[in-house]
Protein backbone atom coordinates (compact mmCIF):
# COMPACT_ATOMS: atom_id res chain seq x y z
CA UNK A 1 67.23 8.90 39.54
CA UNK A 2 62.83 8.42 40.88
CA UNK A 3 62.55 9.01 44.80
CA UNK A 4 59.77 7.31 46.24
CA UNK A 5 57.38 10.60 46.38
CA UNK A 6 58.24 11.10 42.83
CA UNK A 7 56.89 7.66 42.50
CA UNK A 8 54.05 7.83 43.65
CA UNK A 9 53.08 11.12 42.46
CA UNK A 10 53.31 9.54 38.36
CA UNK A 11 51.47 6.45 40.80
CA UNK A 12 48.58 8.36 41.66
CA UNK A 13 47.71 9.98 37.88
CA UNK A 14 48.26 7.46 36.17
CA UNK A 15 45.08 6.12 38.25
CA UNK A 16 43.53 9.50 37.97
CA UNK A 17 43.89 8.77 34.32
CA UNK A 18 42.93 5.90 33.79
CA UNK A 19 39.90 6.54 36.40
CA UNK A 20 38.60 9.82 33.94
CA UNK A 21 38.93 7.18 30.83
CA UNK A 22 36.93 4.89 32.21
CA UNK A 23 34.38 6.72 32.88
CA UNK A 24 34.36 8.47 29.62
CA UNK A 25 33.71 5.40 28.14
CA UNK A 26 30.37 4.99 31.05
CA UNK A 27 29.43 7.62 28.94
CA UNK A 28 30.15 10.05 31.88
CA UNK A 29 31.85 13.29 31.76
CA UNK A 30 33.67 14.15 35.51
CA UNK A 31 31.37 17.01 35.58
CA UNK A 32 28.74 14.18 36.12
CA UNK A 33 28.10 14.39 31.70
CA UNK A 34 25.67 10.97 31.17
CA UNK A 35 24.68 10.03 27.87
CA UNK A 36 22.07 8.09 27.11
CA UNK A 37 20.70 5.70 23.82
CA UNK A 38 18.01 2.92 23.62
CA UNK A 39 20.33 -0.23 23.46
CA UNK A 40 18.22 -1.46 19.58
CA UNK A 41 15.96 0.45 17.85
CA UNK A 42 14.22 -1.38 14.42
CA UNK A 43 13.16 -0.05 11.40
CA UNK A 44 11.57 -1.25 8.05
CA UNK A 45 13.07 -0.58 4.98
CA UNK A 46 12.12 2.91 2.90
CA UNK A 47 10.60 4.73 6.12
CA UNK A 48 12.25 6.28 8.87
CA UNK A 49 14.36 5.59 11.53
CA UNK A 50 15.04 8.12 14.93
CA UNK A 51 18.18 6.89 17.18
CA UNK A 52 16.52 9.30 19.83
CA UNK A 53 19.97 10.50 22.19
CA UNK A 54 19.75 11.99 25.89
CA UNK A 55 21.75 13.54 28.35
CA UNK A 56 21.40 14.92 32.17
CA UNK A 57 24.25 16.33 34.90
CA UNK A 58 24.97 19.52 36.84
CA UNK A 59 25.25 22.03 33.79
CA UNK A 60 26.69 25.38 34.33
CA UNK A 61 26.22 26.44 31.00
CA UNK A 62 24.18 27.18 27.91
CA UNK A 63 25.69 26.43 24.81
CA UNK A 64 27.57 22.92 23.30
CA UNK A 65 26.75 20.71 20.62
CA UNK A 66 26.18 16.85 19.66
CA UNK A 67 27.74 14.06 17.06
CA UNK A 68 26.20 11.03 16.09
CA UNK A 69 28.52 8.33 14.64
CA UNK A 70 28.30 5.09 13.04
CA UNK A 71 30.55 2.27 14.56
CA UNK A 72 33.30 4.52 16.17
CA UNK A 73 34.33 7.77 16.40
CA UNK A 74 37.27 7.31 13.97
CA UNK A 75 34.70 7.33 11.00
CA UNK A 76 32.75 10.68 9.69
CA UNK A 77 29.96 12.09 11.59
CA UNK A 78 26.53 11.01 10.06
CA UNK A 79 25.21 14.43 9.06
CA UNK A 80 24.13 15.62 5.96
CA UNK A 81 27.32 16.79 4.72
CA UNK A 82 28.20 12.76 4.38
CA UNK A 83 28.00 11.01 1.37
CA UNK A 84 26.62 8.08 2.89
CA UNK A 85 23.13 9.76 4.80
CA UNK A 86 23.41 13.41 2.08
CA UNK A 87 20.54 14.75 2.39
CA UNK A 88 18.98 12.17 4.94
CA UNK A 89 19.62 12.87 8.22
CA UNK A 90 17.35 16.23 10.87
CA UNK A 91 18.47 17.08 14.22
CA UNK A 92 16.92 18.10 17.22
CA UNK A 93 16.91 22.37 17.28
CA UNK A 94 19.49 23.63 19.18
CA UNK A 95 16.70 25.36 21.20
CA UNK A 96 14.88 21.74 22.10
CA UNK A 97 18.81 20.05 22.59
CA UNK A 98 19.65 22.28 25.23
CA UNK A 99 16.07 23.33 27.09
CA UNK A 100 14.91 19.45 26.34
CA UNK A 101 18.46 17.98 26.96
CA UNK A 102 17.32 15.97 23.90
CA UNK A 103 19.76 15.38 20.97
CA UNK A 104 18.03 13.01 18.60
CA UNK A 105 18.52 12.21 14.58
CA UNK A 106 15.50 10.44 12.32
CA UNK A 107 17.47 8.93 9.14
CA UNK A 108 14.69 9.10 5.75
CA UNK A 109 14.80 6.69 3.61
CA UNK A 110 16.24 3.96 5.66
CA UNK A 111 18.37 1.53 3.91
CA UNK A 112 19.19 -2.45 4.60
CA UNK A 113 23.19 -0.41 5.13
CA UNK A 114 22.08 1.72 7.13
CA UNK A 115 22.34 -0.84 10.18
CA UNK A 116 25.02 -0.40 12.99
CA UNK A 117 25.95 0.97 16.02
CA UNK A 118 25.33 4.67 16.14
CA UNK A 119 27.61 6.60 18.83
CA UNK A 120 26.17 9.83 20.03
CA UNK A 121 28.00 12.27 22.04
CA UNK A 122 27.58 15.87 23.32
CA UNK A 123 29.94 18.92 24.51
CA UNK A 124 28.67 20.49 26.48
CA UNK A 125 30.94 24.17 27.56
CA UNK A 126 32.24 23.69 30.46
CA UNK A 127 31.64 19.70 31.76
CA UNK A 128 33.33 18.20 28.38
CA UNK A 129 32.39 15.35 26.25
CA UNK A 130 30.10 12.88 27.19
CA UNK A 131 29.62 9.43 24.60
CA UNK A 132 26.87 6.98 24.26
CA UNK A 133 26.49 3.20 25.21
CA UNK A 134 25.22 3.33 21.34
CA UNK A 135 22.20 2.34 19.48
CA UNK A 136 22.22 -1.04 17.60
CA UNK A 137 19.65 0.08 14.02
CA UNK A 138 18.33 -3.00 12.56
CA UNK A 139 16.81 -1.93 9.44
CA UNK A 140 15.09 -5.40 7.78
CA UNK A 141 13.33 -6.04 4.88
CA UNK A 142 10.55 -7.60 6.11
CA UNK A 143 8.07 -6.73 9.18
CA UNK A 144 9.03 -7.98 11.96
CA UNK A 145 5.15 -8.90 14.40
CA UNK A 146 5.69 -9.47 17.22
CA UNK A 147 6.36 -13.38 17.98
CA UNK A 148 9.59 -12.13 16.14
CA UNK A 149 8.25 -14.20 13.14
CA UNK A 150 10.45 -12.09 10.07
CA UNK A 151 6.57 -12.43 7.25
CA UNK A 152 7.19 -10.78 3.90
CA UNK A 153 6.40 -7.02 3.60
CA UNK A 154 3.52 -4.82 1.78
CA UNK A 155 5.42 -4.65 -2.03
CA UNK A 156 5.29 -8.09 -3.00
CA UNK A 157 2.46 -8.30 -2.63
CA UNK A 158 0.69 -5.95 -4.07
CA UNK A 159 2.63 -6.51 -7.66
CA UNK A 160 0.81 -10.77 -7.01
CA UNK A 161 -2.62 -8.72 -5.76
CA UNK A 162 -2.68 -7.08 -9.05
CA UNK A 163 -2.61 -10.09 -11.68
CA UNK A 164 -4.89 -11.99 -10.10
CA UNK A 165 -6.86 -9.35 -10.72
CA UNK A 166 -6.36 -8.89 -13.89
CA UNK A 167 -6.20 -12.41 -14.89
CA UNK A 168 -9.20 -12.68 -13.05
CA UNK A 169 -11.02 -10.09 -15.34
CA UNK A 170 -9.88 -11.44 -18.70
CA UNK A 171 -11.53 -15.68 -17.39
CA UNK A 172 -15.21 -12.52 -16.80
CA UNK A 173 -14.81 -11.65 -19.63
CA UNK A 174 -13.94 -14.51 -21.78
CA UNK A 175 -16.89 -16.28 -20.44
CA UNK A 176 -19.78 -13.26 -21.46
CA UNK A 177 -18.44 -13.49 -25.12
CA UNK A 178 -17.93 -17.40 -25.30
CA UNK A 179 -21.50 -17.47 -23.37
CA UNK A 180 -22.60 -14.29 -26.31
CA UNK A 181 -22.06 -16.01 -28.82
CA UNK A 182 -23.57 -19.66 -27.82
CA UNK A 183 -26.37 -18.82 -27.59
CA UNK A 184 -26.19 -16.62 -30.04
CA UNK A 185 -25.99 -19.72 -32.68
CA UNK A 186 -29.24 -21.69 -30.39
CA UNK A 187 -31.24 -18.86 -31.36
CA UNK A 188 -30.60 -18.81 -35.91
CA UNK A 189 -30.99 -23.06 -34.97
CA UNK A 190 -33.77 -23.47 -32.87
CA UNK A 191 -36.17 -20.80 -36.11
CA UNK A 192 -38.20 -22.59 -38.26
CA UNK A 193 -38.56 -20.96 -41.86
CA UNK A 194 -40.78 -18.63 -42.39
CA UNK A 195 -41.67 -16.12 -45.55
CA UNK A 196 -40.34 -13.27 -44.36
CA UNK A 197 -43.11 -11.08 -43.37
CA UNK A 198 -42.83 -8.29 -46.43
CA UNK A 199 -43.20 -11.30 -48.63
CA UNK A 200 -46.91 -12.49 -47.79
CA UNK A 201 -47.75 -9.15 -47.77
CA UNK A 202 -47.34 -9.22 -51.41
CA UNK A 203 -48.28 -12.46 -52.61
CA UNK A 204 -51.99 -11.55 -50.29
CA UNK A 205 -51.57 -8.05 -52.21
CA UNK A 206 -51.24 -9.88 -55.99
CA UNK A 207 -54.05 -12.43 -54.78
CA UNK A 208 -55.88 -9.03 -53.68
CA UNK A 209 -55.67 -8.29 -57.71
CA UNK A 210 -56.42 -10.87 -59.67
CA UNK A 211 -60.64 -11.43 -57.37
CA UNK A 212 -63.31 -10.17 -59.57
CA UNK A 213 -66.73 -10.56 -57.64
CA UNK A 214 -67.65 -11.94 -54.02
CA UNK A 215 -70.41 -13.00 -52.80
CA UNK A 216 -72.36 -13.31 -49.93
CA UNK A 217 -75.90 -14.80 -48.65
CA UNK A 218 -77.43 -16.17 -46.38
CA UNK A 219 -79.18 -19.76 -46.14
CA UNK A 220 -82.95 -20.08 -47.05
CA UNK A 221 -85.70 -21.24 -45.08
CA UNK A 222 -83.93 -20.12 -40.70
CA UNK A 223 -86.82 -19.08 -39.53
CA UNK A 224 -87.54 -18.46 -36.70
CA UNK A 225 -89.04 -20.99 -34.59
CA UNK A 226 -91.89 -20.58 -31.72
CA UNK A 227 -90.81 -16.57 -31.91
CA UNK A 228 -87.01 -17.12 -30.13
CA UNK A 229 -84.45 -16.58 -32.55
CA UNK A 230 -81.69 -20.25 -33.06
CA UNK A 231 -78.88 -19.03 -31.22
CA UNK A 232 -76.35 -20.22 -33.79
CA UNK A 233 -75.43 -18.09 -35.89
CA UNK A 234 -76.84 -17.43 -39.51
CA UNK A 235 -74.91 -19.36 -41.84
CA UNK A 236 -73.37 -16.49 -45.05
CA UNK A 237 -72.18 -18.64 -47.84
CA UNK A 238 -68.81 -17.21 -49.94
CA UNK A 239 -68.57 -17.42 -54.20
CA UNK A 240 -65.20 -15.32 -54.44
CA UNK A 241 -64.19 -15.82 -58.43
CA UNK A 242 -60.00 -15.48 -58.66
CA UNK A 243 -58.87 -14.77 -62.57
CA UNK A 244 -54.93 -15.95 -62.82
């Protein structure tokens, strides 16, 4: 049978337990250990996403550790030992953790499936544990500008640009080939039917071989008048006899 004093003691214990649990939910330990996390972190798929975590309080120890969980502390720790994050997690080193009070992790080559609420838990020897309020990681395949408008990333633009460049080069090359072909066709149509130089040379040699004699003579009666020379040239007569 409970006495009044015993009932009061149980109520005090229950109230204290509730108070401590409430403090733990707020990320504050009984010794003043507090964990701080940014509310939201945005990242583009394929890039590295850094989740920051820091802690504060009057700590009497330099020994501690930190862990990260996704969505709930009941799930497996986010680390390189987990199948989902194997080889993709880098952590703040121990010295930075204790001196600078930072407990950051970086998820390399972030996937869209990595999106979720990430909880940072810090434990300091003699000061207990404290859990942060969580950071919502949003991994998107599109780049979000300052106005919040979603724009496609670079990866779909690259193949389109390459394709357009190839088509342009092909059209340009075909145009040049057609132009050259047209110039050759027009040039061949505009040429006159002339005897080749070799044929003309052969005919001249054949003609010369049949010439037997050549006689040149000056016009008789062409004389100087009043001591001056006529400006006209001397008239020469040629007599060529060809034997065929």
